[in-house]
Each structure stands twice: as C-alpha cells, then as structure tokens.
C-alpha atoms as a PDB file:
ATOM      1  CA  MET A   1     -31.575   1.920  42.545  1.00  0.00           C
ATOM      2  CA  ASP A   2     -28.017   2.809  42.758  1.00  0.00           C
ATOM      3  CA  GLN A   3     -25.702   2.755  39.616  1.00  0.00           C
ATOM      4  CA  ALA A   4     -24.161  -1.141  40.795  1.00  0.00           C
ATOM      5  CA  ASP A   5     -27.981  -2.285  40.882  1.00  0.00           C
ATOM      6  CA  GLN A   6     -28.970  -0.711  37.796  1.00  0.00           C
ATOM      7  CA  PHE A   7     -25.821  -2.265  35.932  1.00  0.00           C
ATOM      8  CA  LYS A   8     -26.415  -5.579  37.070  1.00  0.00           C
ATOM      9  CA  LYS A   9     -30.260  -5.234  35.899  1.00  0.00           C
ATOM     10  CA  TRP A  10     -29.133  -4.556  32.782  1.00  0.00           C
ATOM     11  CA  ALA A  11     -26.268  -6.790  32.135  1.00  0.00           C
ATOM     12  CA  LEU A  12     -28.894  -9.894  32.906  1.00  0.00           C
ATOM     13  CA  SER A  13     -31.222  -8.470  30.152  1.00  0.00           C
ATOM     14  CA  PHE A  14     -30.795  -8.681  26.212  1.00  0.00           C
ATOM     15  CA  SER A  15     -27.786  -6.401  26.543  1.00  0.00           C
ATOM     16  CA  GLY A  16     -24.609  -7.032  24.108  1.00  0.00           C
ATOM     17  CA  CYS A  17     -27.108  -8.609  21.618  1.00  0.00           C
ATOM     18  CA  ASP A  18     -27.664  -6.618  18.090  1.00  0.00           C
ATOM     19  CA  GLY A  19     -30.398  -8.899  17.770  1.00  0.00           C
ATOM     20  CA  GLY A  20     -32.937  -9.884  14.727  1.00  0.00           C
ATOM     21  CA  ASP A  21     -35.085 -13.007  14.881  1.00  0.00           C
ATOM     22  CA  ILE A  22     -34.325 -14.948  17.963  1.00  0.00           C
ATOM     23  CA  GLY A  23     -36.594 -17.566  16.970  1.00  0.00           C
ATOM     24  CA  SER A  24     -39.035 -19.983  18.807  1.00  0.00           C
ATOM     25  CA  GLN A  25     -39.147 -23.765  19.289  1.00  0.00           C
ATOM     26  CA  ASP A  26     -41.643 -24.121  16.299  1.00  0.00           C
ATOM     27  CA  SER A  27     -39.364 -22.015  13.950  1.00  0.00           C
ATOM     28  CA  PRO A  28     -35.579 -22.178  15.478  1.00  0.00           C
ATOM     29  CA  SER A  29     -33.218 -19.480  14.336  1.00  0.00           C
ATOM     30  CA  THR A  30     -29.499 -19.519  13.870  1.00  0.00           C
ATOM     31  CA  TRP A  31     -27.775 -17.711  16.655  1.00  0.00           C
ATOM     32  CA  VAL A  32     -24.301 -15.797  16.352  1.00  0.00           C
ATOM     33  CA  SER A  33     -22.247 -15.225  19.253  1.00  0.00           C
ATOM     34  CA  GLY A  34     -19.293 -13.002  20.020  1.00  0.00           C
ATOM     35  CA  ILE A  35     -17.557 -12.192  22.909  1.00  0.00           C
ATOM     36  CA  GLU A  36     -18.200  -8.658  23.471  1.00  0.00           C
ATOM     37  CA  TRP A  37     -18.953  -5.453  21.491  1.00  0.00           C
ATOM     38  CA  GLY A  38     -15.766  -3.957  19.945  1.00  0.00           C
ATOM     39  CA  GLY A  39     -15.246  -0.476  19.541  1.00  0.00           C
ATOM     40  CA  GLY A  40     -15.424   0.522  23.601  1.00  0.00           C
ATOM     41  CA  HIS A  41     -17.596   1.938  25.855  1.00  0.00           C
ATOM     42  CA  SER A  42     -17.071   5.427  27.246  1.00  0.00           C
ATOM     43  CA  SER A  43     -18.345   5.477  30.724  1.00  0.00           C
ATOM     44  CA  GLU A  44     -20.882   7.999  29.313  1.00  0.00           C
ATOM     45  CA  SER A  45     -21.885   5.663  26.875  1.00  0.00           C
ATOM     46  CA  LEU A  46     -22.043   2.787  29.305  1.00  0.00           C
ATOM     47  CA  ILE A  47     -24.431   4.799  31.458  1.00  0.00           C
ATOM     48  CA  GLY A  48     -26.630   5.717  28.804  1.00  0.00           C
ATOM     49  CA  HIS A  49     -26.926   2.164  27.767  1.00  0.00           C
ATOM     50  CA  MET A  50     -27.625   1.032  31.221  1.00  0.00           C
ATOM     51  CA  SER A  51     -30.837   3.366  31.340  1.00  0.00           C
ATOM     52  CA  ASP A  52     -32.260   1.116  28.432  1.00  0.00           C
ATOM     53  CA  VAL A  53     -32.774  -2.295  29.959  1.00  0.00           C
ATOM     54  CA  GLU A  54     -32.969  -4.942  27.033  1.00  0.00           C
ATOM     55  CA  ALA A  55     -36.022  -6.622  28.354  1.00  0.00           C
ATOM     56  CA  GLU A  56     -36.832  -8.358  25.323  1.00  0.00           C
ATOM     57  CA  PRO A  57     -34.665  -9.260  22.342  1.00  0.00           C
ATOM     58  CA  PRO A  58     -34.046  -6.590  20.119  1.00  0.00           C
ATOM     59  CA  THR A  59     -34.853  -6.702  16.613  1.00  0.00           C
ATOM     60  CA  GLY A  60     -32.044  -6.030  15.041  1.00  0.00           C
ATOM     61  CA  TYR A  61     -30.312  -3.660  12.833  1.00  0.00           C
ATOM     62  CA  GLU A  62     -32.330  -1.029  10.805  1.00  0.00           C
ATOM     63  CA  GLY A  63     -30.635  -1.844   7.492  1.00  0.00           C
ATOM     64  CA  TRP A  64     -28.940  -4.887   5.854  1.00  0.00           C
ATOM     65  CA  GLU A  65     -26.101  -2.510   4.956  1.00  0.00           C
ATOM     66  CA  HIS A  66     -24.800  -3.106   8.630  1.00  0.00           C
ATOM     67  CA  ASN A  67     -23.951  -6.420   7.755  1.00  0.00           C
ATOM     68  CA  LEU A  68     -21.139  -5.074   5.578  1.00  0.00           C
ATOM     69  CA  ALA A  69     -20.148  -2.065   7.430  1.00  0.00           C
ATOM     70  CA  TYR A  70     -17.548  -3.551   9.598  1.00  0.00           C
ATOM     71  CA  ILE A  71     -15.234  -6.568   9.592  1.00  0.00           C
ATOM     72  CA  PHE A  72     -16.387  -9.075  11.830  1.00  0.00           C
ATOM     73  CA  ASN A  73     -20.069  -8.468  10.062  1.00  0.00           C
ATOM     74  CA  TRP A  74     -18.693  -9.163   6.719  1.00  0.00           C
ATOM     75  CA  GLN A  75     -16.826 -12.032   8.026  1.00  0.00           C
ATOM     76  CA  VAL A  76     -19.808 -13.795   9.345  1.00  0.00           C
ATOM     77  CA  MET A  77     -21.370 -13.182   6.214  1.00  0.00           C
ATOM     78  CA  LYS A  78     -18.928 -14.965   4.631  1.00  0.00           C
ATOM     79  CA  LEU A  79     -19.578 -17.823   6.959  1.00  0.00           C
ATOM     80  CA  LEU A  80     -23.176 -18.089   6.686  1.00  0.00           C
ATOM     81  CA  SER A  81     -22.964 -17.849   3.165  1.00  0.00           C
ATOM     82  CA  ALA A  82     -20.869 -21.001   2.699  1.00  0.00           C
ATOM     83  CA  ILE A  83     -23.210 -22.739   5.397  1.00  0.00           C
ATOM     84  CA  SER A  84     -25.993 -21.419   3.077  1.00  0.00           C
ATOM     85  CA  GLY A  85     -24.524 -23.407   0.156  1.00  0.00           C
ATOM     86  CA  ARG A  86     -23.193 -20.389  -1.790  1.00  0.00           C
ATOM     87  CA  LYS A  87     -19.575 -19.293  -2.295  1.00  0.00           C
ATOM     88  CA  VAL A  88     -18.124 -16.962   0.132  1.00  0.00           C
ATOM     89  CA  GLU A  89     -17.348 -14.758  -2.453  1.00  0.00           C
ATOM     90  CA  GLU A  90     -21.159 -13.861  -2.540  1.00  0.00           C
ATOM     91  CA  TYR A  91     -21.155 -12.560   0.668  1.00  0.00           C
ATOM     92  CA  LYS A  92     -22.125  -8.922   0.078  1.00  0.00           C
ATOM     93  CA  ASP A  93     -25.501 -10.847  -2.350  1.00  0.00           C
ATOM     94  CA  TYR A  94     -26.313 -12.820   0.584  1.00  0.00           C
ATOM     95  CA  ALA A  95     -26.110 -10.053   3.127  1.00  0.00           C
ATOM     96  CA  GLU A  96     -28.765  -8.283   0.724  1.00  0.00           C
ATOM     97  CA  GLU A  97     -31.104 -10.724  -0.224  1.00  0.00           C
ATOM     98  CA  VAL A  98     -31.291 -12.833   3.029  1.00  0.00           C
ATOM     99  CA  GLN A  99     -30.542  -9.572   5.490  1.00  0.00           C
ATOM    100  CA  PRO A 100     -29.467 -11.609   9.096  1.00  0.00           C
ATOM    101  CA  PHE A 101     -30.038  -9.825  12.154  1.00  0.00           C
ATOM    102  CA  THR A 102     -31.974  -6.884  10.572  1.00  0.00           C
ATOM    103  CA  GLU A 103     -35.469  -5.952  11.424  1.00  0.00           C
ATOM    104  CA  GLY A 104     -38.059  -7.715   9.393  1.00  0.00           C
ATOM    105  CA  GLY A 105     -35.771 -10.288   8.775  1.00  0.00           C
ATOM    106  CA  SER A 106     -36.140 -13.751   9.770  1.00  0.00           C
ATOM    107  CA  GLY A 107     -33.945 -17.035  10.808  1.00  0.00           C
ATOM    108  CA  PHE A 108     -30.780 -15.134  12.744  1.00  0.00           C
ATOM    109  CA  PHE A 109     -29.830 -13.517  15.836  1.00  0.00           C
ATOM    110  CA  LYS A 110     -26.796 -11.854  16.734  1.00  0.00           C
ATOM    111  CA  MET A 111     -25.403 -11.801  20.581  1.00  0.00           C
ATOM    112  CA  ASN A 112     -22.265 -11.525  22.662  1.00  0.00           C
ATOM    113  CA  LEU A 113     -21.605 -13.001  25.655  1.00  0.00           C
ATOM    114  CA  TYR A 114     -20.630  -9.991  27.592  1.00  0.00           C
ATOM    115  CA  PRO A 115     -22.404  -6.794  27.601  1.00  0.00           C
ATOM    116  CA  ILE A 116     -19.689  -3.961  27.843  1.00  0.00           C
ATOM    117  CA  ALA A 117     -17.972  -3.131  24.723  1.00  0.00           C
ATOM    118  CA  PHE A 118     -14.417  -3.014  24.636  1.00  0.00           C
ATOM    119  CA  LYS A 119     -11.701  -2.562  21.857  1.00  0.00           C
ATOM    120  CA  ASP A 120     -10.134  -5.772  22.611  1.00  0.00           C
ATOM    121  CA  THR A 121     -10.480  -8.315  25.601  1.00  0.00           C
ATOM    122  CA  SER A 122      -7.301  -7.189  27.611  1.00  0.00           C
ATOM    123  CA  GLU A 123      -7.972  -6.502  31.100  1.00  0.00           C
ATOM    124  CA  GLN A 124      -6.192  -2.945  30.592  1.00  0.00           C
ATOM    125  CA  ARG A 125      -9.252  -1.649  29.048  1.00  0.00           C
ATOM    126  CA  TRP A 126     -11.328  -1.477  32.214  1.00  0.00           C
ATOM    127  CA  GLU A 127     -11.550   2.234  33.085  1.00  0.00           C
ATOM    128  CA  ARG A 128     -11.507   3.376  36.559  1.00  0.00           C
ATOM    129  CA  ASP A 129     -14.879   5.061  35.922  1.00  0.00           C
ATOM    130  CA  PHE A 130     -16.387   1.829  35.187  1.00  0.00           C
ATOM    131  CA  SER A 131     -15.530   0.276  38.510  1.00  0.00           C
ATOM    132  CA  THR A 132     -17.679   3.192  39.923  1.00  0.00           C
ATOM    133  CA  ILE A 133     -20.400   2.475  37.916  1.00  0.00           C
ATOM    134  CA  THR A 134     -20.797  -1.145  37.822  1.00  0.00           C
ATOM    135  CA  GLY A 135     -19.357  -2.053  41.539  1.00  0.00           C
ATOM    136  CA  PHE A 136     -16.597  -4.047  40.101  1.00  0.00           C
ATOM    137  CA  ASP A 137     -12.858  -3.021  40.868  1.00  0.00           C
ATOM    138  CA  SER A 138     -11.548  -5.001  37.725  1.00  0.00           C
ATOM    139  CA  LYS A 139     -12.677  -6.345  34.439  1.00  0.00           C
ATOM    140  CA  GLN A 140     -11.912  -9.881  35.925  1.00  0.00           C
ATOM    141  CA  ALA A 141     -14.347  -9.214  38.827  1.00  0.00           C
ATOM    142  CA  TYR A 142     -16.930  -8.179  36.278  1.00  0.00           C
ATOM    143  CA  VAL A 143     -16.408 -11.483  34.059  1.00  0.00           C
ATOM    144  CA  GLU A 144     -16.270 -13.681  37.260  1.00  0.00           C
ATOM    145  CA  TRP A 145     -19.571 -11.873  37.796  1.00  0.00           C
ATOM    146  CA  CYS A 146     -20.936 -12.688  34.574  1.00  0.00           C
ATOM    147  CA  ARG A 147     -19.833 -16.041  34.380  1.00  0.00           C
ATOM    148  CA  LYS A 148     -21.938 -16.732  37.600  1.00  0.00           C
ATOM    149  CA  TYR A 149     -24.774 -14.837  36.507  1.00  0.00           C
ATOM    150  CA  ARG A 150     -25.142 -13.525  33.120  1.00  0.00           C
ATOM    151  CA  LEU A 151     -23.746 -16.803  31.368  1.00  0.00           C
ATOM    152  CA  PRO A 152     -26.486 -19.153  33.338  1.00  0.00           C
ATOM    153  CA  MET A 153     -29.276 -16.631  31.630  1.00  0.00           C
ATOM    154  CA  ILE A 154     -28.365 -16.890  28.222  1.00  0.00           C
ATOM    155  CA  ARG A 155     -28.101 -20.529  29.231  1.00  0.00           C
ATOM    156  CA  SER A 156     -32.237 -19.942  29.859  1.00  0.00           C
ATOM    157  CA  TRP A 157     -32.485 -18.226  26.479  1.00  0.00           C
ATOM    158  CA  SER A 158     -30.936 -21.085  24.757  1.00  0.00           C
ATOM    159  CA  GLU A 159     -33.611 -23.780  26.295  1.00  0.00           C
ATOM    160  CA  ALA A 160     -36.733 -21.280  25.622  1.00  0.00           C
ATOM    161  CA  TYR A 161     -35.931 -20.758  22.142  1.00  0.00           C
ATOM    162  CA  LYS A 162     -34.007 -23.809  21.207  1.00  0.00           C
ATOM    163  CA  PRO A 163     -32.017 -22.627  18.408  1.00  0.00           C
ATOM    164  CA  LYS A 164     -31.138 -24.652  15.713  1.00  0.00           C
ATOM    165  CA  LEU A 165     -27.478 -23.898  15.350  1.00  0.00           C
ATOM    166  CA  ILE A 166     -25.293 -21.736  17.626  1.00  0.00           C
ATOM    167  CA  ILE A 167     -22.241 -20.385  15.942  1.00  0.00           C
ATOM    168  CA  CYS A 168     -19.445 -19.098  18.491  1.00  0.00           C
ATOM    169  CA  LEU A 169     -16.735 -17.073  17.493  1.00  0.00           C
ATOM    170  CA  GLY A 170     -13.356 -17.401  19.648  1.00  0.00           C
ATOM    171  CA  LYS A 171     -12.206 -20.792  20.258  1.00  0.00           C
ATOM    172  CA  SER A 172     -10.713 -19.410  23.434  1.00  0.00           C
ATOM    173  CA  TYR A 173     -13.707 -18.919  25.016  1.00  0.00           C
ATOM    174  CA  ILE A 174     -15.027 -22.343  24.748  1.00  0.00           C
ATOM    175  CA  GLU A 175     -15.356 -22.749  28.785  1.00  0.00           C
ATOM    176  CA  ASP A 176     -17.787 -19.942  28.531  1.00  0.00           C
ATOM    177  CA  TYR A 177     -19.669 -20.898  25.558  1.00  0.00           C
ATOM    178  CA  ALA A 178     -20.056 -24.186  27.070  1.00  0.00           C
ATOM    179  CA  LYS A 179     -21.395 -23.001  30.157  1.00  0.00           C
ATOM    180  CA  ALA A 180     -23.857 -20.129  28.336  1.00  0.00           C
ATOM    181  CA  PHE A 181     -25.123 -22.734  25.524  1.00  0.00           C
ATOM    182  CA  ALA A 182     -25.620 -26.035  27.744  1.00  0.00           C
ATOM    183  CA  CYS A 183     -22.545 -28.039  26.587  1.00  0.00           C
ATOM    184  CA  ASP A 184     -20.456 -30.596  28.082  1.00  0.00           C
ATOM    185  CA  VAL A 185     -16.930 -29.035  27.783  1.00  0.00           C
ATOM    186  CA  ASP A 186     -15.135 -32.326  27.546  1.00  0.00           C
ATOM    187  CA  ALA A 187     -17.415 -33.835  25.145  1.00  0.00           C
ATOM    188  CA  PHE A 188     -17.006 -31.523  21.590  1.00  0.00           C
ATOM    189  CA  ASP A 189     -15.824 -33.224  18.786  1.00  0.00           C
ATOM    190  CA  LYS A 190     -13.273 -31.363  17.141  1.00  0.00           C
ATOM    191  CA  LEU A 191     -12.004 -31.426  13.531  1.00  0.00           C
ATOM    192  CA  THR A 192      -8.924 -29.388  12.106  1.00  0.00           C
ATOM    193  CA  ILE A 193      -9.267 -27.560   9.055  1.00  0.00           C
ATOM    194  CA  ASP A 194      -6.304 -25.873   7.153  1.00  0.00           C
ATOM    195  CA  ASP A 195      -4.818 -25.601  10.804  1.00  0.00           C
ATOM    196  CA  ARG A 196      -7.688 -23.986  12.325  1.00  0.00           C
ATOM    197  CA  ASP A 197      -9.946 -25.962  14.998  1.00  0.00           C
ATOM    198  CA  LEU A 198     -13.684 -26.359  14.528  1.00  0.00           C
ATOM    199  CA  SER A 199     -15.374 -27.764  17.590  1.00  0.00           C
ATOM    200  CA  TRP A 200     -19.162 -28.739  17.937  1.00  0.00           C
ATOM    201  CA  GLN A 201     -21.388 -31.158  19.730  1.00  0.00           C
ATOM    202  CA  ILE A 202     -25.407 -30.932  20.178  1.00  0.00           C
ATOM    203  CA  ASN A 203     -26.300 -29.347  23.198  1.00  0.00           C
ATOM    204  CA  LYS A 204     -28.809 -30.347  26.193  1.00  0.00           C
ATOM    205  CA  PHE A 205     -31.436 -28.885  24.206  1.00  0.00           C
ATOM    206  CA  GLY A 206     -31.077 -30.302  20.717  1.00  0.00           C
ATOM    207  CA  SER A 207     -29.370 -27.044  19.110  1.00  0.00           C
ATOM    208  CA  LEU A 208     -25.902 -27.634  17.283  1.00  0.00           C
ATOM    209  CA  VAL A 209     -22.923 -25.809  18.985  1.00  0.00           C
ATOM    210  CA  ALA A 210     -20.413 -24.969  16.339  1.00  0.00           C
ATOM    211  CA  VAL A 211     -17.198 -23.119  17.890  1.00  0.00           C
ATOM    212  CA  VAL A 212     -14.602 -21.776  15.306  1.00  0.00           C
ATOM    213  CA  PRO A 213     -11.558 -19.165  15.747  1.00  0.00           C
ATOM    214  CA  PHE A 214     -12.108 -15.579  15.758  1.00  0.00           C
ATOM    215  CA  MET A 215     -12.683 -14.100  12.342  1.00  0.00           C
ATOM    216  CA  VAL A 216     -10.616 -10.911  12.526  1.00  0.00           C
ATOM    217  CA  ASN A 217      -7.073 -11.797  14.006  1.00  0.00           C
ATOM    218  CA  SER A 218      -4.520 -13.213  11.935  1.00  0.00           C
ATOM    219  CA  ASN A 219      -4.278 -16.382  13.629  1.00  0.00           C
ATOM    220  CA  GLY A 220      -7.964 -16.992  13.373  1.00  0.00           C
ATOM    221  CA  LEU A 221     -10.432 -17.716  10.444  1.00  0.00           C
ATOM    222  CA  VAL A 222      -9.556 -15.465   7.992  1.00  0.00           C
ATOM    223  CA  LYS A 223      -9.234 -16.658   4.734  1.00  0.00           C
ATOM    224  CA  ASN A 224     -11.821 -17.396   2.171  1.00  0.00           C
ATOM    225  CA  ALA A 225     -10.704 -20.723   1.469  1.00  0.00           C
ATOM    226  CA  SER A 226     -10.890 -21.852   4.982  1.00  0.00           C
ATOM    227  CA  ILE A 227     -14.001 -20.204   5.826  1.00  0.00           C
ATOM    228  CA  GLN A 228     -15.734 -21.971   3.102  1.00  0.00           C
ATOM    229  CA  LYS A 229     -14.451 -24.951   4.246  1.00  0.00           C
ATOM    230  CA  PHE A 230     -15.911 -24.221   7.898  1.00  0.00           C
ATOM    231  CA  GLY A 231     -19.037 -23.520   6.279  1.00  0.00           C
ATOM    232  CA  GLU A 232     -19.595 -26.757   4.486  1.00  0.00           C
ATOM    233  CA  LYS A 233     -18.301 -28.971   7.335  1.00  0.00           C
ATOM    234  CA  ILE A 234     -21.352 -27.162   9.442  1.00  0.00           C
ATOM    235  CA  SER A 235     -23.659 -27.232   6.950  1.00  0.00           C
ATOM    236  CA  GLU A 236     -22.923 -31.130   6.697  1.00  0.00           C
ATOM    237  CA  LEU A 237     -23.565 -31.093  10.793  1.00  0.00           C
ATOM    238  CA  THR A 238     -27.103 -29.202  10.820  1.00  0.00           C
END
C-alpha cells in the first residue's frame, strides 16, 4: 500500500477524533464536533499518525485536565456547563466532576470533520510534502475528497450510534455539518442571541444537531454571558 492509499484508509477511520464515550442507541452520548485539530501537523507527525488507523472510536483523554489545557476545550466546557444547568463560571468544576471526553468517562465524544491538523483553515497551510503524502495537490482537493468520502463515513457513525445531541462549532461549515450529520441544510431553525446565530434541527436519525459560532475568535461565541444563553437554549431543545 502506497502512502496516498494509507492516508485515505486513515482518513476514513476515526482519525481526527479525541474520542471519549461514543455512546449507543440504548445509551446515547453528546457529541462535540470541530472542523479540524489545531496546532498543525508536520509531514513527519502526519506520517506517524497515519501508521495507526483508528478502526475503533478512541477512548479519550487520559485525564480530565486536558479539558482545561487549551482555550478551545475550556470554551466547550463552558457551553456544556450551561447546557447541564450550571453557570459557565463553574466550568472548571464541571470538567473535573463530569470529565467529558476522558477514558472511563461517559456520555461525551469529541471529534472533527477533517483529520489533518492545521493552525488555521487557510489553504496556505498546505505544505508541499502533504501532496506527496496524501496524493492531493492542494488543501482544497483534500477537502473535496473528504466531503465526498469522509463526511458520509461520519454520517454512518451518527446513524449507528444515534447521539442525543451533536454540537457543531463553526457556522461557516454548516453545509459540511449537514452532510456529516444527516441534516437538510435548508431546514435549520435559527435564533439570534446577542448578535450570534444558533442553528438547529432534528436529523434523519433523531439527533438534535446544533450549530454554534466558533468559540475562540473575536467574531465568534466567546462572551460568558452569551455562552450561558446558548447553553440554556440548547438545553431547552434537548
């Protein structure tokens, strides 16, 4: 198997997922989906990841502290705190007590639409070596392949495990989230809260899919008061 074939095999597995408890139809979980890992893969680290095809859902972080180690994670903890009926200011206590996305924890699974890690979503982040490794000459070609093959694979996960709630971060990717999670992109309900849009619908498999603005950049969902309102509204919908 050449590198490009190995990449495709890896990309159609549970690559790009931090994991946790993926749940089941009898005991459904809450899923949180981002766009792609941050930080950025080097060509060497990408090859290293590709050697380990994630055939089974990863079991999550070794310790709950990972949920406080990065701004993306602790913003998610704030939203989950609000959904649970707590205040966003209690997110550290929530992370320690509930331990989402951790080995041995229950009820939460964390994933991404795309498997390669980039510092941001700019196409300029595509390294020349990535073309040799993946067989795609640009990030756009890689994204189009993922849209054609990976997103339907994610859709099959949502059909098999039927999460009760799927929280999607990044409203500009709503079409991708719709394809991945069996939604009609034209059928989302929408509510504006503090000048930020919350979109939602029940997908074809009975899961509530909620799309919220990205929670790190200044134009996104970053204020505690707004996160609290978003969480309370999502809680009402579940």
